[in-house]
Amino acid sequence: MGNRKALLFVNDLGFFFSHRFPIALAGQARGFDMAVAAPESSASAAHLAQLADHNIKWLPVPVRRHGLNPLRDLRTLETLARILLRERPDILHNVTAKCILHGSLAARLLSLPGLPPLRVVNAVSGLGFAFIRQSADARVARSVIRAGYRLLPPAQRTWFIFQNIDDQELFEREGMVRPGRSVIVRGSGVDLKYFQPASSAPAAPRRVVLPARLLWDKGVREFTEAARLLRSSHPEVHFCLAGGLDTTYRQHVPEAQVRAWESEGLVHWLGHQSDMRACLQAASIACLPSYREGLPKALLEAAACGLPIVTTDVPGCREVVTDGVNGLLVPARDAAALAAALGRLLTDRDLANRLGAASRQRATAHFCARALANQTINLWQQALEADSAR
């Protein structure tokens, strides 16, 4: 009998490499033939070369990351169903809401007599704007998502992975997943050998870095207002936005607004960072005032680099930071509280150093990418063994 086959279905190949590549490698190490389904528009030549180098099969599937379009969504479903019929994977691992809904429906449509069983693993990496915002469009999106999950109730061969307990409890409370059919795997983890503390103290000026795409829901406005509040007491500190524009999201910060903040002298926009290790090693503090997360990889990387962290007391962020241990937690959408916490660390360097050392210890103890990837493969094995036991 040949190797078991696993197919990861993601909406962006770059996201696969930044967040899910360790899972594919761990799957191969445990005897799985690996494939990834992702949109052709997200596949660069470098991505395809890396897949070929690691003997991971690429299967193009058209997926729109945002919004609803019945014709395009039907095309996604049809393409995926054809792939599943042709490839016959033992495990279908869907990541993010749209892939979960399309993948689960395709698997349900193919649950026919005579076809080999397909075990479905749905990885909820975060709930997105629909569960953060209270606008009319967010409420509509929230209703559609809830209805979609309820129309696709977990079957005997379906499991869910959550990154934090808040999301798991919400899904169970809303009837979108049955109790006992999910596990917690705390994010994608971080490469502890690559992301390490700087060998020497960063050169002046001191930097407070927000490592995230420029989206309002990441707390960019509050970060900028905190910089304004701290400008007179800490004029030597640079407040840096380390992230690119993402106009595919309605919640993106317009470039004109970022340029205006720069002209005012509030922030330094570093743009998209291809080398986050160097960016974090040059920083004094990492700050993510997000409104809600699954489990932010940027904070895991900051913790691995030994940085003190200021973030919000919301799902996902508080999975990484314990207040007063390896960072400081503040309420979401509160620029004054954010400024006070940042000011405290900028003033008390001994405290900042102690919290930074604890960040590295926490990353080492809880967020090793290889260990977390193996937790996912353990669930795959559990799914296969559950079928064999019946």
Protein backbone atom coordinates (compact mmCIF):
# COMPACT_ATOMS: atom_id res chain seq x y z
CA MET A 1 0.00 0.00 0.00
CA GLY A 2 1.37 3.44 -0.97
CA ASN A 3 1.71 6.49 1.22
CA ARG A 4 -1.33 8.28 2.54
CA LYS A 5 -2.13 11.49 0.64
CA ALA A 6 -2.90 14.87 2.20
CA LEU A 7 -4.13 17.98 0.38
CA LEU A 8 -3.87 21.44 1.95
CA PHE A 9 -6.39 23.92 0.51
CA VAL A 10 -5.41 27.59 1.02
CA ASN A 11 -6.42 30.89 -0.56
CA ASP A 12 -2.89 32.15 -1.14
CA LEU A 13 0.34 30.31 -1.87
CA GLY A 14 2.42 32.97 -0.13
CA PHE A 15 0.33 32.38 3.01
CA PHE A 16 1.01 28.66 2.67
CA PHE A 17 4.75 29.25 2.77
CA SER A 18 4.62 31.78 5.61
CA HIS A 19 2.18 29.85 7.81
CA ARG A 20 1.60 26.25 6.69
CA PHE A 21 4.81 25.02 5.06
CA PRO A 22 6.03 23.33 8.29
CA ILE A 23 2.85 21.24 8.28
CA ALA A 24 3.60 19.97 4.78
CA LEU A 25 7.16 19.07 5.77
CA ALA A 26 5.95 17.36 8.95
CA GLY A 27 3.39 15.42 6.91
CA GLN A 28 6.09 14.19 4.54
CA ALA A 29 8.27 13.16 7.48
CA ARG A 30 5.36 11.08 8.78
CA GLY A 31 4.81 9.31 5.44
CA PHE A 32 2.23 11.47 3.64
CA ASP A 33 2.39 12.45 -0.01
CA MET A 34 1.70 16.19 0.09
CA ALA A 35 -0.18 18.49 -2.27
CA VAL A 36 -1.39 22.08 -1.96
CA ALA A 37 -4.35 23.64 -3.75
CA ALA A 38 -4.18 27.43 -4.17
CA PRO A 39 -5.05 30.14 -6.70
CA GLU A 40 -2.79 30.45 -9.73
CA SER A 41 -2.73 34.23 -9.21
CA SER A 42 -0.81 33.71 -5.96
CA ALA A 43 1.81 31.38 -7.44
CA SER A 44 5.13 33.02 -8.18
CA ALA A 45 7.96 31.25 -9.97
CA ALA A 46 9.86 31.10 -6.68
CA HIS A 47 6.89 29.45 -4.94
CA LEU A 48 6.53 26.82 -7.65
CA ALA A 49 10.26 26.09 -7.62
CA GLN A 50 10.18 25.62 -3.86
CA LEU A 51 7.23 23.23 -4.13
CA ALA A 52 9.06 21.22 -6.79
CA ASP A 53 12.23 21.13 -4.68
CA HIS A 54 10.26 19.59 -1.82
CA ASN A 55 8.19 17.24 -3.99
CA ILE A 56 4.90 18.95 -3.04
CA LYS A 57 2.32 18.84 -5.80
CA TRP A 58 0.62 22.11 -6.72
CA LEU A 59 -3.03 22.08 -7.82
CA PRO A 60 -4.43 25.43 -9.07
CA VAL A 61 -7.89 26.33 -7.77
CA PRO A 62 -9.55 29.73 -8.33
CA VAL A 63 -10.40 31.26 -4.93
CA ARG A 64 -11.46 34.82 -4.20
CA ARG A 65 -10.23 35.77 -0.74
CA HIS A 66 -13.07 38.20 -0.01
CA GLY A 67 -16.72 38.70 -0.84
CA LEU A 68 -19.40 36.48 -2.31
CA ASN A 69 -19.87 35.85 -6.02
CA PRO A 70 -22.13 32.87 -6.83
CA LEU A 71 -20.66 32.19 -10.28
CA ARG A 72 -17.05 32.35 -9.13
CA ASP A 73 -17.82 30.39 -5.98
CA LEU A 74 -19.46 27.65 -8.07
CA ARG A 75 -16.35 27.55 -10.25
CA THR A 76 -14.20 27.11 -7.16
CA LEU A 77 -16.43 24.31 -5.91
CA GLU A 78 -16.46 22.52 -9.28
CA THR A 79 -12.68 22.75 -9.70
CA LEU A 80 -12.03 21.48 -6.19
CA ALA A 81 -14.50 18.61 -6.56
CA ARG A 82 -12.76 17.50 -9.78
CA ILE A 83 -9.38 17.60 -8.02
CA LEU A 84 -10.66 15.53 -5.12
CA LEU A 85 -12.10 12.94 -7.50
CA ARG A 86 -8.83 12.74 -9.43
CA GLU A 87 -6.35 12.89 -6.55
CA ARG A 88 -8.35 10.92 -3.95
CA PRO A 89 -6.56 12.34 -0.88
CA ASP A 90 -7.05 10.67 2.47
CA ILE A 91 -6.93 14.04 4.27
CA LEU A 92 -8.34 17.38 3.05
CA HIS A 93 -6.99 20.17 5.26
CA ASN A 94 -8.87 23.45 4.65
CA VAL A 95 -7.47 26.76 5.95
CA THR A 96 -9.51 29.99 6.44
CA ALA A 97 -13.28 30.45 6.17
CA LYS A 98 -13.81 30.39 2.39
CA CYS A 99 -11.63 27.33 1.92
CA ILE A 100 -13.35 25.61 4.83
CA LEU A 101 -16.81 26.21 3.35
CA HIS A 102 -15.83 25.25 -0.21
CA GLY A 103 -13.74 22.28 0.89
CA SER A 104 -16.35 20.93 3.30
CA LEU A 105 -19.11 21.22 0.71
CA ALA A 106 -17.00 19.55 -1.98
CA ALA A 107 -16.18 16.71 0.42
CA ARG A 108 -19.85 16.34 1.34
CA LEU A 109 -20.86 16.17 -2.32
CA LEU A 110 -18.31 13.40 -2.87
CA SER A 111 -19.45 11.28 0.08
CA LEU A 112 -20.88 8.68 -2.27
CA PRO A 113 -21.04 4.90 -1.94
CA GLY A 114 -18.03 3.25 -3.53
CA LEU A 115 -15.71 6.23 -3.12
CA PRO A 116 -12.88 5.98 -0.59
CA PRO A 117 -13.50 7.92 2.65
CA LEU A 118 -12.19 11.51 2.81
CA ARG A 119 -11.33 12.91 6.23
CA VAL A 120 -11.73 16.69 6.47
CA VAL A 121 -9.72 18.91 8.82
CA ASN A 122 -10.86 22.54 8.99
CA ALA A 123 -8.30 24.99 10.39
CA VAL A 124 -9.89 28.21 11.66
CA SER A 125 -7.03 30.71 11.60
CA GLY A 126 -9.12 33.68 12.77
CA LEU A 127 -12.64 35.04 12.48
CA GLY A 128 -11.89 38.14 10.43
CA PHE A 129 -13.77 41.42 10.11
CA ALA A 130 -17.20 39.75 10.24
CA PHE A 131 -16.70 38.92 13.92
CA ILE A 132 -14.79 42.12 14.78
CA ARG A 133 -16.88 44.93 13.36
CA GLN A 134 -20.51 45.83 14.06
CA SER A 135 -21.31 47.46 10.72
CA ALA A 136 -24.26 46.33 8.60
CA ASP A 137 -22.06 44.53 6.06
CA ALA A 138 -20.20 42.76 8.87
CA ARG A 139 -23.47 41.58 10.40
CA VAL A 140 -24.60 40.23 7.02
CA ALA A 141 -21.28 38.45 6.52
CA ARG A 142 -21.49 37.02 10.04
CA SER A 143 -24.96 35.61 9.32
CA VAL A 144 -23.80 34.07 6.04
CA ILE A 145 -20.79 32.45 7.71
CA ARG A 146 -22.86 31.06 10.57
CA ALA A 147 -25.45 29.68 8.17
CA GLY A 148 -22.73 28.15 6.03
CA TYR A 149 -21.15 26.29 8.92
CA ARG A 150 -24.53 25.12 10.17
CA LEU A 151 -25.41 23.79 6.72
CA LEU A 152 -22.17 21.83 6.81
CA PRO A 153 -22.32 20.23 10.25
CA PRO A 154 -19.32 18.15 11.21
CA ALA A 155 -19.81 14.66 9.86
CA GLN A 156 -18.20 11.56 11.32
CA ARG A 157 -15.04 12.27 9.32
CA THR A 158 -14.68 16.02 10.05
CA TRP A 159 -12.49 17.74 12.66
CA PHE A 160 -11.75 21.38 13.44
CA ILE A 161 -8.53 23.08 14.56
CA PHE A 162 -8.71 26.36 16.48
CA GLN A 163 -5.83 28.61 17.46
CA ASN A 164 -7.41 29.91 20.65
CA ILE A 165 -10.09 28.79 23.08
CA ASP A 166 -12.26 31.88 22.52
CA ASP A 167 -12.86 30.94 18.88
CA GLN A 168 -13.45 27.29 19.81
CA GLU A 169 -16.06 28.23 22.43
CA LEU A 170 -17.78 30.67 20.05
CA PHE A 171 -18.11 27.99 17.35
CA GLU A 172 -19.48 25.49 19.84
CA ARG A 173 -21.88 28.04 21.33
CA GLU A 174 -23.19 29.03 17.88
CA GLY A 175 -23.64 25.39 16.84
CA MET A 176 -21.00 25.62 14.10
CA VAL A 177 -18.95 22.74 15.53
CA ARG A 178 -19.91 19.91 17.82
CA PRO A 179 -18.18 19.54 21.19
CA GLY A 180 -15.45 16.93 21.02
CA ARG A 181 -14.80 17.43 17.31
CA SER A 182 -12.10 20.07 17.65
CA VAL A 183 -8.64 20.63 19.08
CA ILE A 184 -6.50 23.64 19.94
CA VAL A 185 -3.22 24.05 18.04
CA ARG A 186 -1.74 27.39 19.03
CA GLY A 187 -0.95 28.89 15.67
CA SER A 188 1.68 28.10 13.08
CA GLY A 189 4.54 28.54 15.49
CA VAL A 190 7.91 30.09 14.75
CA ASP A 191 11.31 28.86 13.57
CA LEU A 192 13.29 29.30 16.78
CA LYS A 193 16.63 28.76 15.06
CA TYR A 194 15.97 31.53 12.55
CA PHE A 195 14.17 34.05 14.78
CA GLN A 196 16.54 34.76 17.67
CA PRO A 197 17.38 37.79 19.81
CA ALA A 198 19.88 40.24 18.33
CA SER A 199 23.48 39.50 19.27
CA SER A 200 23.89 43.10 20.49
CA ALA A 201 21.61 45.93 21.50
CA PRO A 202 19.97 47.69 18.52
CA ALA A 203 21.63 50.89 17.48
CA ALA A 204 19.87 54.21 18.15
CA PRO A 205 17.26 55.40 17.53
CA ARG A 206 15.03 53.13 19.53
CA ARG A 207 12.18 51.67 17.53
CA VAL A 208 8.64 50.62 18.42
CA VAL A 209 7.44 48.40 15.57
CA LEU A 210 3.92 47.43 14.54
CA PRO A 211 4.48 44.33 12.35
CA ALA A 212 1.26 43.92 10.35
CA ARG A 213 -0.50 44.75 7.12
CA LEU A 214 -1.93 48.26 7.17
CA LEU A 215 -5.50 47.45 8.16
CA TRP A 216 -7.59 49.48 10.59
CA ASP A 217 -8.46 46.31 12.50
CA LYS A 218 -4.77 45.81 13.31
CA GLY A 219 -4.97 48.95 15.46
CA VAL A 220 -3.00 51.20 13.11
CA ARG A 221 -5.04 54.26 14.11
CA GLU A 222 -4.49 53.64 17.83
CA PHE A 223 -0.77 53.06 17.26
CA THR A 224 -0.46 56.38 15.46
CA GLU A 225 -2.42 58.21 18.14
CA ALA A 226 -0.21 56.65 20.82
CA ALA A 227 2.83 57.94 18.90
CA ARG A 228 1.25 61.40 18.94
CA LEU A 229 0.72 61.22 22.70
CA LEU A 230 4.33 60.12 23.30
CA ARG A 231 5.97 62.51 20.87
CA SER A 232 6.85 65.18 23.45
CA SER A 233 8.11 62.80 26.16
CA HIS A 234 10.03 60.49 23.83
CA PRO A 235 11.05 62.53 20.77
CA GLU A 236 14.00 60.22 20.09
CA VAL A 237 11.83 57.12 19.53
CA HIS A 238 10.78 56.02 16.05
CA PHE A 239 7.30 54.51 15.76
CA CYS A 240 7.45 52.22 12.72
CA LEU A 241 4.76 50.59 10.59
CA ALA A 242 6.33 47.41 9.22
CA GLY A 243 3.76 46.19 6.73
CA GLY A 244 2.44 46.69 3.23
CA LEU A 245 -0.82 48.02 1.88
CA ASP A 246 -3.55 45.46 1.21
CA THR A 247 -6.29 47.10 -0.83
CA THR A 248 -8.13 43.78 -1.23
CA TYR A 249 -9.60 44.41 2.23
CA ARG A 250 -12.27 47.02 2.82
CA GLN A 251 -10.55 47.83 6.10
CA HIS A 252 -7.26 48.84 4.48
CA VAL A 253 -5.60 52.07 5.51
CA PRO A 254 -5.32 54.38 2.45
CA GLU A 255 -1.79 55.17 1.36
CA ALA A 256 -2.60 58.89 1.46
CA GLN A 257 -3.39 58.59 5.17
CA VAL A 258 -0.09 56.83 5.88
CA ARG A 259 1.82 59.49 3.94
CA ALA A 260 0.02 62.21 5.91
CA TRP A 261 1.09 60.60 9.20
CA GLU A 262 4.64 60.43 7.91
CA SER A 263 4.59 64.09 6.90
CA GLU A 264 3.38 64.98 10.38
CA GLY A 265 6.34 63.09 11.84
CA LEU A 266 4.24 60.58 13.75
CA VAL A 267 5.35 57.32 12.13
CA HIS A 268 7.97 55.86 9.84
CA TRP A 269 6.47 53.57 7.21
CA LEU A 270 8.91 50.77 6.46
CA GLY A 271 6.62 49.04 3.94
CA HIS A 272 6.42 45.30 3.41
CA GLN A 273 9.34 43.53 5.06
CA SER A 274 10.85 40.54 3.29
CA ASP A 275 13.24 40.01 6.24
CA MET A 276 11.16 40.22 9.40
CA ARG A 277 14.01 38.85 11.50
CA ALA A 278 16.21 41.85 10.71
CA CYS A 279 13.29 44.22 11.26
CA LEU A 280 12.49 42.78 14.69
CA GLN A 281 16.11 42.52 15.78
CA ALA A 282 16.46 46.25 15.11
CA ALA A 283 13.42 47.02 17.30
CA SER A 284 13.12 47.78 21.01
CA ILE A 285 9.42 46.94 21.42
CA ALA A 286 6.86 45.07 19.32
CA CYS A 287 3.33 46.45 19.36
CA LEU A 288 0.14 44.97 17.90
CA PRO A 289 -3.05 46.81 19.02
CA SER A 290 -5.30 44.42 17.05
CA TYR A 291 -9.04 44.13 17.60
CA ARG A 292 -9.03 40.32 17.34
CA GLU A 293 -6.72 37.59 16.02
CA GLY A 294 -6.53 33.85 15.55
CA LEU A 295 -2.99 33.73 16.87
CA PRO A 296 -0.71 36.35 15.29
CA LYS A 297 2.48 34.97 13.80
CA ALA A 298 4.05 38.44 13.98
CA LEU A 299 3.90 38.32 17.77
CA LEU A 300 5.39 34.83 17.83
CA GLU A 301 8.30 36.08 15.74
CA ALA A 302 8.70 39.10 18.04
CA ALA A 303 8.68 36.85 21.10
CA ALA A 304 11.28 34.55 19.55
CA CYS A 305 13.47 37.62 18.94
CA GLY A 306 13.28 38.41 22.65
CA LEU A 307 11.20 41.59 22.40
CA PRO A 308 8.87 42.95 25.06
CA ILE A 309 5.39 43.13 23.54
CA VAL A 310 2.53 45.57 23.98
CA THR A 311 -0.71 44.20 22.58
CA THR A 312 -4.43 44.14 23.21
CA ASP A 313 -6.33 41.96 25.64
CA VAL A 314 -8.30 40.19 22.90
CA PRO A 315 -8.55 36.60 21.61
CA GLY A 316 -5.35 35.50 19.92
CA CYS A 317 -3.09 38.24 21.28
CA ARG A 318 -3.49 37.17 24.88
CA GLU A 319 -2.49 33.66 23.83
CA VAL A 320 1.01 35.04 23.22
CA VAL A 321 1.33 37.65 25.98
CA THR A 322 0.74 37.28 29.69
CA ASP A 323 0.37 40.73 31.20
CA GLY A 324 3.41 41.69 33.23
CA VAL A 325 5.28 38.49 32.32
CA ASN A 326 6.47 38.91 28.73
CA GLY A 327 4.59 42.05 27.78
CA LEU A 328 1.73 44.37 28.63
CA LEU A 329 -1.94 43.98 27.67
CA VAL A 330 -4.20 46.98 27.04
CA PRO A 331 -7.86 47.34 26.04
CA ALA A 332 -8.58 47.34 22.31
CA ARG A 333 -9.32 50.69 20.61
CA ASP A 334 -7.77 52.65 23.51
CA ALA A 335 -4.92 54.85 22.28
CA ALA A 336 -4.36 56.45 25.71
CA ALA A 337 -3.88 53.06 27.41
CA LEU A 338 -1.62 51.97 24.58
CA ALA A 339 0.51 55.10 24.95
CA ALA A 340 0.76 54.59 28.72
CA ALA A 341 1.97 50.99 28.30
CA LEU A 342 4.51 51.91 25.61
CA GLY A 343 5.69 54.86 27.69
CA ARG A 344 6.20 52.59 30.68
CA LEU A 345 8.53 50.29 28.72
CA LEU A 346 10.35 53.15 27.04
CA THR A 347 11.05 54.67 30.47
CA ASP A 348 11.82 51.49 32.43
CA ARG A 349 14.49 49.66 30.45
CA ASP A 350 15.03 47.05 33.16
CA LEU A 351 11.36 46.07 32.91
CA ALA A 352 11.57 46.00 29.11
CA ASN A 353 14.64 43.74 29.24
CA ARG A 354 13.00 41.37 31.72
CA LEU A 355 9.82 41.08 29.64
CA GLY A 356 11.87 40.55 26.48
CA ALA A 357 13.83 37.68 28.01
CA ALA A 358 10.55 36.11 29.14
CA SER A 359 9.19 36.43 25.58
CA ARG A 360 12.02 34.29 24.24
CA GLN A 361 11.45 31.72 26.99
CA ARG A 362 7.73 31.59 26.21
CA ALA A 363 8.33 31.16 22.48
CA THR A 364 10.79 28.34 23.16
CA ALA A 365 8.42 26.57 25.54
CA HIS A 366 5.15 26.89 23.61
CA PHE A 367 5.52 28.03 20.01
CA CYS A 368 8.10 25.88 18.22
CA ALA A 369 6.84 25.55 14.62
CA ARG A 370 7.97 21.93 14.31
CA ALA A 371 6.18 20.86 17.50
CA LEU A 372 2.94 22.61 16.51
CA ALA A 373 3.06 21.12 13.00
CA ASN A 374 3.37 17.67 14.53
CA GLN A 375 0.25 18.34 16.61
CA THR A 376 -1.62 18.80 13.33
CA ILE A 377 -0.21 15.58 11.87
CA ASN A 378 -1.25 13.81 15.07
CA LEU A 379 -4.82 14.88 14.33
CA TRP A 380 -4.53 13.54 10.79
CA GLN A 381 -3.39 10.21 12.19
CA GLN A 382 -6.23 10.26 14.71
CA ALA A 383 -8.73 10.81 11.89
CA LEU A 384 -7.34 7.91 9.90
CA GLU A 385 -7.24 5.59 12.93
CA ALA A 386 -10.82 6.49 13.87
CA ASP A 387 -11.99 5.27 10.47
CA SER A 388 -9.92 2.10 10.76
CA ALA A 389 -11.45 1.34 14.16
CA ARG A 390 -15.01 1.42 12.82
